[in-house]
Amino acid sequence: MCSMECFGDQYRGCGHYVRIYQTGITYDCARPNCKLSAAHMHKTAKNCGCNMEFSDHRRVRNLFQTKCEACLEYEGGGSDVYGHRTGPHW
């Protein structure tokens, strides 16, 4: 799978990586079953089933020993006036 370089923050408390931005630099995996690679075997096919997504080539900008904001909010039970949790839950 081809990858694209991105920078982000690593949180050791929960193990999450939070992507901040992508640089646009791509790395070719040289696999024939990757549509993004120069070695793709179905060069003329329009609808092949090969992979069409970049994976993250992660570069750590900041390393935190705590949990990320989403995990802290989820564990803290941050709720609105109706008692429902707000924000993403993962």
Protein backbone atom coordinates (compact mmCIF):
# COMPACT_ATOMS: atom_id res chain seq x y z
CA MET A 1 0.00 0.00 0.00
CA CYS A 2 1.42 3.37 -0.97
CA SER A 3 1.75 5.89 1.81
CA MET A 4 1.62 9.66 2.24
CA GLU A 5 3.74 11.45 4.80
CA CYS A 6 1.83 13.14 7.61
CA PHE A 7 2.74 14.86 10.84
CA GLY A 8 0.82 14.49 14.06
CA ASP A 9 0.83 14.10 17.82
CA GLN A 10 1.40 10.75 19.54
CA TYR A 11 -0.30 10.14 22.91
CA ARG A 12 1.29 7.40 24.98
CA GLY A 13 -1.47 7.41 27.58
CA CYS A 14 -4.02 5.96 25.15
CA GLY A 15 -1.82 5.03 22.17
CA HIS A 16 -3.65 7.28 19.71
CA TYR A 17 -1.97 9.20 16.91
CA VAL A 18 -3.75 12.44 15.98
CA ARG A 19 -2.88 13.61 12.46
CA ILE A 20 -2.31 17.36 12.16
CA TYR A 21 -1.44 17.75 8.46
CA GLN A 22 -0.19 15.89 5.38
CA THR A 23 2.93 17.05 3.53
CA GLY A 24 1.92 15.68 0.13
CA ILE A 25 5.07 13.54 -0.11
CA THR A 26 4.13 10.04 -1.28
CA TYR A 27 6.00 6.74 -1.06
CA ASP A 28 5.49 4.12 -3.76
CA CYS A 29 5.01 0.55 -2.49
CA ALA A 30 5.88 -0.96 -5.93
CA ARG A 31 3.11 -3.57 -5.62
CA PRO A 32 1.16 -4.68 -8.69
CA ASN A 33 -2.15 -4.80 -6.76
CA CYS A 34 -1.98 -1.15 -5.63
CA LYS A 35 -3.73 1.29 -7.98
CA LEU A 36 -1.61 4.20 -6.70
CA SER A 37 1.70 2.48 -7.49
CA ALA A 38 3.73 2.91 -10.68
CA ALA A 39 3.88 -0.91 -10.81
CA HIS A 40 0.08 -1.30 -11.00
CA MET A 41 -0.81 -4.27 -13.23
CA HIS A 42 -4.22 -3.02 -14.47
CA LYS A 43 -3.05 0.20 -16.12
CA THR A 44 -5.94 0.40 -18.62
CA ALA A 45 -8.77 -1.02 -16.50
CA LYS A 46 -11.19 1.56 -15.09
CA ASN A 47 -12.83 -0.54 -12.36
CA CYS A 48 -10.26 -2.96 -10.98
CA GLY A 49 -10.51 -4.03 -7.34
CA CYS A 50 -7.06 -2.80 -6.38
CA ASN A 51 -6.36 -0.57 -3.39
CA MET A 52 -7.01 3.15 -4.00
CA GLU A 53 -6.16 4.67 -0.60
CA PHE A 54 -2.92 5.95 0.85
CA SER A 55 -1.80 4.73 4.25
CA ASP A 56 -0.21 7.17 6.70
CA HIS A 57 3.58 7.42 6.78
CA ARG A 58 3.48 8.82 10.30
CA ARG A 59 5.94 11.39 11.58
CA VAL A 60 5.59 12.40 15.23
CA ARG A 61 5.59 16.15 15.82
CA ASN A 62 4.86 16.02 19.57
CA LEU A 63 5.01 13.09 21.98
CA PHE A 64 2.66 13.38 24.96
CA GLN A 65 2.63 11.06 27.98
CA THR A 66 -1.09 11.73 28.58
CA LYS A 67 -4.25 10.59 26.82
CA CYS A 68 -5.64 12.49 23.84
CA GLU A 69 -8.45 15.02 24.26
CA ALA A 70 -11.09 12.66 22.85
CA CYS A 71 -10.20 9.94 25.37
CA LEU A 72 -10.09 12.37 28.28
CA GLU A 73 -13.49 13.76 27.30
CA TYR A 74 -14.95 10.27 26.90
CA GLU A 75 -13.63 9.07 30.27
CA GLY A 76 -14.65 12.28 32.01
CA GLY A 77 -18.23 11.74 30.91
CA GLY A 78 -18.47 15.20 29.44
CA SER A 79 -22.20 15.62 28.94
CA ASP A 80 -24.53 18.30 27.75
CA VAL A 81 -27.68 19.49 29.58
CA TYR A 82 -29.65 16.38 28.53
CA GLY A 83 -27.09 13.88 29.80
CA HIS A 84 -25.92 12.77 26.36
CA ARG A 85 -22.22 12.50 25.64
CA THR A 86 -20.84 14.92 23.12
CA GLY A 87 -18.02 14.46 20.62
CA PRO A 88 -16.66 11.33 18.93
CA HIS A 89 -16.71 8.02 20.83
CA TRP A 90 -13.97 5.53 20.04
